[in-house]
């Protein structure tokens, strides 16, 4: 489960949880923002060097999965036409 996760892993898991909720509720803009936040947090942890390489690889894989799932999320680009 997640009993012995580091603070960094818990932070990343929290972002992933918000990402999943936004995707399930079809909040595409928020989901895209969460993915960007996840990538930035992961990069910051990698730069700081205080997270194990295996953990970084695990979450990079998760980022890749969500990028693939969200490939067609183009909600931000759509213009509302109410004609």
N, C-alpha and C. Protein backbone atom coordinates (compact mmCIF):
# COMPACT_ATOMS: atom_id res chain seq x y z
N UNK A 1 0.84 -1.17 0.00
CA UNK A 1 0.00 0.00 0.00
C UNK A 1 0.88 1.22 0.00
N UNK A 2 1.05 1.95 1.00
CA UNK A 2 1.89 3.11 0.97
C UNK A 2 2.35 3.48 2.35
N UNK A 3 2.55 2.50 3.17
CA UNK A 3 2.87 2.77 4.57
C UNK A 3 4.26 3.34 4.75
N UNK A 4 5.19 2.95 3.91
CA UNK A 4 6.58 3.36 4.13
C UNK A 4 7.10 4.25 3.01
N UNK A 5 6.24 5.06 2.45
CA UNK A 5 6.66 5.96 1.39
C UNK A 5 7.30 7.20 1.97
N UNK A 6 8.22 7.75 1.21
CA UNK A 6 8.88 8.98 1.63
C UNK A 6 7.92 10.16 1.47
N UNK A 7 8.31 11.28 2.05
CA UNK A 7 7.50 12.50 1.93
C UNK A 7 7.37 12.90 0.46
N UNK A 8 8.44 12.74 -0.29
CA UNK A 8 8.43 13.09 -1.72
C UNK A 8 7.44 12.21 -2.48
N UNK A 9 7.44 10.91 -2.18
CA UNK A 9 6.51 10.01 -2.86
C UNK A 9 5.06 10.35 -2.50
N UNK A 10 4.82 10.70 -1.26
CA UNK A 10 3.47 11.08 -0.84
C UNK A 10 3.02 12.34 -1.56
N UNK A 11 3.95 13.28 -1.76
CA UNK A 11 3.63 14.50 -2.49
C UNK A 11 3.25 14.17 -3.94
N UNK A 12 4.04 13.32 -4.58
CA UNK A 12 3.75 12.93 -5.96
C UNK A 12 2.43 12.17 -6.05
N UNK A 13 2.18 11.30 -5.08
CA UNK A 13 0.93 10.55 -5.06
C UNK A 13 -0.27 11.48 -4.90
N UNK A 14 -0.10 12.53 -4.13
CA UNK A 14 -1.17 13.51 -3.95
C UNK A 14 -1.50 14.21 -5.27
N UNK A 15 -0.48 14.56 -6.02
CA UNK A 15 -0.69 15.19 -7.32
C UNK A 15 -1.38 14.21 -8.27
N UNK A 16 -0.95 12.96 -8.24
CA UNK A 16 -1.54 11.94 -9.10
C UNK A 16 -3.02 11.73 -8.75
N UNK A 17 -3.34 11.75 -7.47
CA UNK A 17 -4.73 11.60 -7.05
C UNK A 17 -5.60 12.72 -7.60
N UNK A 18 -5.10 13.96 -7.51
CA UNK A 18 -5.84 15.09 -8.07
C UNK A 18 -5.98 14.96 -9.58
N UNK A 19 -4.92 14.50 -10.23
CA UNK A 19 -4.95 14.28 -11.67
C UNK A 19 -6.02 13.26 -12.04
N UNK A 20 -6.07 12.16 -11.32
CA UNK A 20 -7.06 11.12 -11.58
C UNK A 20 -8.48 11.64 -11.37
N UNK A 21 -8.69 12.40 -10.30
CA UNK A 21 -10.02 12.95 -10.03
C UNK A 21 -10.44 13.90 -11.15
N UNK A 22 -9.54 14.75 -11.58
CA UNK A 22 -9.88 15.70 -12.64
C UNK A 22 -10.14 14.99 -13.96
N UNK A 23 -9.39 13.94 -14.24
CA UNK A 23 -9.64 13.18 -15.47
C UNK A 23 -10.99 12.48 -15.40
N UNK A 24 -11.32 11.90 -14.25
CA UNK A 24 -12.59 11.17 -14.13
C UNK A 24 -13.79 12.11 -14.18
N UNK A 25 -13.60 13.35 -13.78
CA UNK A 25 -14.68 14.34 -13.83
C UNK A 25 -14.67 15.14 -15.13
N UNK A 26 -13.77 14.77 -16.04
CA UNK A 26 -13.65 15.41 -17.35
C UNK A 26 -13.24 16.88 -17.24
N UNK A 27 -12.47 17.21 -16.22
CA UNK A 27 -11.91 18.56 -16.07
C UNK A 27 -10.55 18.56 -16.77
N UNK A 28 -10.58 18.71 -18.08
CA UNK A 28 -9.37 18.53 -18.88
C UNK A 28 -8.31 19.58 -18.58
N UNK A 29 -8.72 20.83 -18.43
CA UNK A 29 -7.74 21.88 -18.13
C UNK A 29 -7.01 21.59 -16.82
N UNK A 30 -7.78 21.24 -15.80
CA UNK A 30 -7.18 20.96 -14.50
C UNK A 30 -6.29 19.72 -14.56
N UNK A 31 -6.71 18.71 -15.30
CA UNK A 31 -5.91 17.50 -15.43
C UNK A 31 -4.58 17.81 -16.12
N UNK A 32 -4.62 18.66 -17.14
CA UNK A 32 -3.38 19.05 -17.81
C UNK A 32 -2.47 19.83 -16.87
N UNK A 33 -3.07 20.70 -16.07
CA UNK A 33 -2.28 21.45 -15.09
C UNK A 33 -1.65 20.52 -14.06
N UNK A 34 -2.41 19.50 -13.63
CA UNK A 34 -1.88 18.53 -12.67
C UNK A 34 -0.73 17.74 -13.25
N UNK A 35 -0.83 17.38 -14.52
CA UNK A 35 0.26 16.64 -15.17
C UNK A 35 1.52 17.50 -15.22
N UNK A 36 1.35 18.76 -15.56
CA UNK A 36 2.49 19.68 -15.60
C UNK A 36 3.09 19.83 -14.19
N UNK A 37 2.23 19.94 -13.19
CA UNK A 37 2.69 20.04 -11.80
C UNK A 37 3.46 18.79 -11.40
N UNK A 38 2.98 17.62 -11.81
CA UNK A 38 3.65 16.36 -11.51
C UNK A 38 5.03 16.32 -12.16
N UNK A 39 5.12 16.74 -13.41
CA UNK A 39 6.41 16.75 -14.10
C UNK A 39 7.38 17.71 -13.42
N UNK A 40 6.90 18.88 -13.04
CA UNK A 40 7.77 19.87 -12.38
C UNK A 40 8.24 19.37 -11.02
N UNK A 41 7.35 18.76 -10.26
CA UNK A 41 7.72 18.24 -8.94
C UNK A 41 8.75 17.11 -9.09
N UNK A 42 8.54 16.25 -10.06
CA UNK A 42 9.47 15.16 -10.30
C UNK A 42 10.84 15.69 -10.71
N UNK A 43 10.86 16.69 -11.56
CA UNK A 43 12.13 17.29 -11.99
C UNK A 43 12.84 17.96 -10.82
N UNK A 44 12.09 18.63 -9.96
CA UNK A 44 12.69 19.28 -8.79
C UNK A 44 13.31 18.24 -7.86
N UNK A 45 12.63 17.12 -7.69
CA UNK A 45 13.15 16.06 -6.83
C UNK A 45 14.38 15.42 -7.44
N UNK A 46 14.37 15.27 -8.76
CA UNK A 46 15.54 14.70 -9.44
C UNK A 46 16.74 15.64 -9.29
N UNK A 47 16.50 16.93 -9.44
CA UNK A 47 17.58 17.92 -9.32
C UNK A 47 18.13 17.98 -7.91
N UNK A 48 17.25 17.86 -6.93
CA UNK A 48 17.68 17.91 -5.54
C UNK A 48 18.49 16.67 -5.16
N UNK A 49 18.23 15.56 -5.84
CA UNK A 49 18.99 14.34 -5.60
C UNK A 49 18.67 13.63 -4.30
N UNK A 50 17.55 13.95 -3.69
CA UNK A 50 17.23 13.30 -2.42
C UNK A 50 16.20 12.19 -2.56
N UNK A 51 15.94 11.77 -3.81
CA UNK A 51 15.00 10.68 -4.06
C UNK A 51 15.75 9.59 -4.82
N UNK A 52 15.50 8.34 -4.45
CA UNK A 52 16.19 7.22 -5.08
C UNK A 52 15.85 7.14 -6.57
N UNK A 53 16.81 6.65 -7.34
CA UNK A 53 16.64 6.53 -8.79
C UNK A 53 15.46 5.64 -9.15
N UNK A 54 15.25 4.58 -8.39
CA UNK A 54 14.13 3.67 -8.66
C UNK A 54 12.79 4.39 -8.51
N UNK A 55 12.70 5.28 -7.54
CA UNK A 55 11.47 6.04 -7.32
C UNK A 55 11.25 7.00 -8.49
N UNK A 56 12.31 7.66 -8.91
CA UNK A 56 12.23 8.58 -10.05
C UNK A 56 11.75 7.83 -11.29
N UNK A 57 12.33 6.67 -11.55
CA UNK A 57 11.94 5.87 -12.71
C UNK A 57 10.48 5.45 -12.65
N UNK A 58 10.04 5.07 -11.46
CA UNK A 58 8.65 4.66 -11.27
C UNK A 58 7.70 5.79 -11.64
N UNK A 59 7.97 6.98 -11.15
CA UNK A 59 7.08 8.11 -11.41
C UNK A 59 7.23 8.65 -12.83
N UNK A 60 8.40 8.50 -13.43
CA UNK A 60 8.55 8.86 -14.84
C UNK A 60 7.66 7.97 -15.70
N UNK A 61 7.57 6.71 -15.32
CA UNK A 61 6.70 5.78 -16.01
C UNK A 61 5.24 6.21 -15.88
N UNK A 62 4.86 6.64 -14.69
CA UNK A 62 3.50 7.11 -14.44
C UNK A 62 3.21 8.34 -15.29
N UNK A 63 4.17 9.26 -15.36
CA UNK A 63 4.01 10.46 -16.19
C UNK A 63 3.79 10.05 -17.65
N UNK A 64 4.57 9.10 -18.12
CA UNK A 64 4.42 8.62 -19.50
C UNK A 64 3.04 8.03 -19.76
N UNK A 65 2.53 7.29 -18.80
CA UNK A 65 1.20 6.70 -18.94
C UNK A 65 0.14 7.79 -19.05
N UNK A 66 0.23 8.79 -18.19
CA UNK A 66 -0.77 9.86 -18.22
C UNK A 66 -0.63 10.74 -19.45
N UNK A 67 0.58 10.94 -19.92
CA UNK A 67 0.77 11.71 -21.16
C UNK A 67 0.07 11.00 -22.32
N UNK A 68 0.20 9.68 -22.36
CA UNK A 68 -0.45 8.91 -23.42
C UNK A 68 -1.98 8.99 -23.29
N UNK A 69 -2.48 8.87 -22.07
CA UNK A 69 -3.93 8.94 -21.85
C UNK A 69 -4.48 10.31 -22.22
N UNK A 70 -3.68 11.35 -22.01
CA UNK A 70 -4.15 12.71 -22.21
C UNK A 70 -3.76 13.28 -23.57
N UNK A 71 -3.25 12.45 -24.43
CA UNK A 71 -2.78 12.91 -25.74
C UNK A 71 -3.86 13.68 -26.50
N UNK A 72 -5.10 13.27 -26.38
CA UNK A 72 -6.19 13.90 -27.12
C UNK A 72 -6.91 14.98 -26.32
N UNK A 73 -6.42 15.32 -25.15
CA UNK A 73 -7.05 16.38 -24.35
C UNK A 73 -6.69 17.72 -24.98
N UNK A 74 -7.62 18.31 -25.68
CA UNK A 74 -7.36 19.57 -26.34
C UNK A 74 -8.39 20.62 -25.93
N UNK A 75 -8.96 20.46 -24.79
CA UNK A 75 -10.02 21.34 -24.32
C UNK A 75 -9.60 22.80 -24.33
N UNK A 76 -8.36 23.09 -23.97
CA UNK A 76 -7.89 24.47 -23.92
C UNK A 76 -7.91 25.13 -25.30
N UNK A 77 -7.71 24.32 -26.34
CA UNK A 77 -7.63 24.86 -27.69
C UNK A 77 -8.99 25.10 -28.32
N UNK A 78 -10.04 24.53 -27.75
CA UNK A 78 -11.36 24.66 -28.35
C UNK A 78 -11.93 26.04 -28.08
N UNK A 79 -12.52 26.59 -29.09
CA UNK A 79 -13.16 27.90 -28.97
C UNK A 79 -14.66 27.69 -28.86
N UNK A 80 -15.31 28.36 -27.93
CA UNK A 80 -16.76 28.18 -27.81
C UNK A 80 -17.50 28.91 -28.92
N UNK A 81 -18.31 28.19 -29.60
CA UNK A 81 -19.15 28.78 -30.65
C UNK A 81 -20.60 28.48 -30.30
N UNK A 82 -21.32 29.47 -29.95
CA UNK A 82 -22.69 29.29 -29.47
C UNK A 82 -23.71 29.68 -30.54
N UNK A 83 -23.40 29.56 -31.79
CA UNK A 83 -24.31 29.96 -32.88
C UNK A 83 -25.32 28.88 -33.13
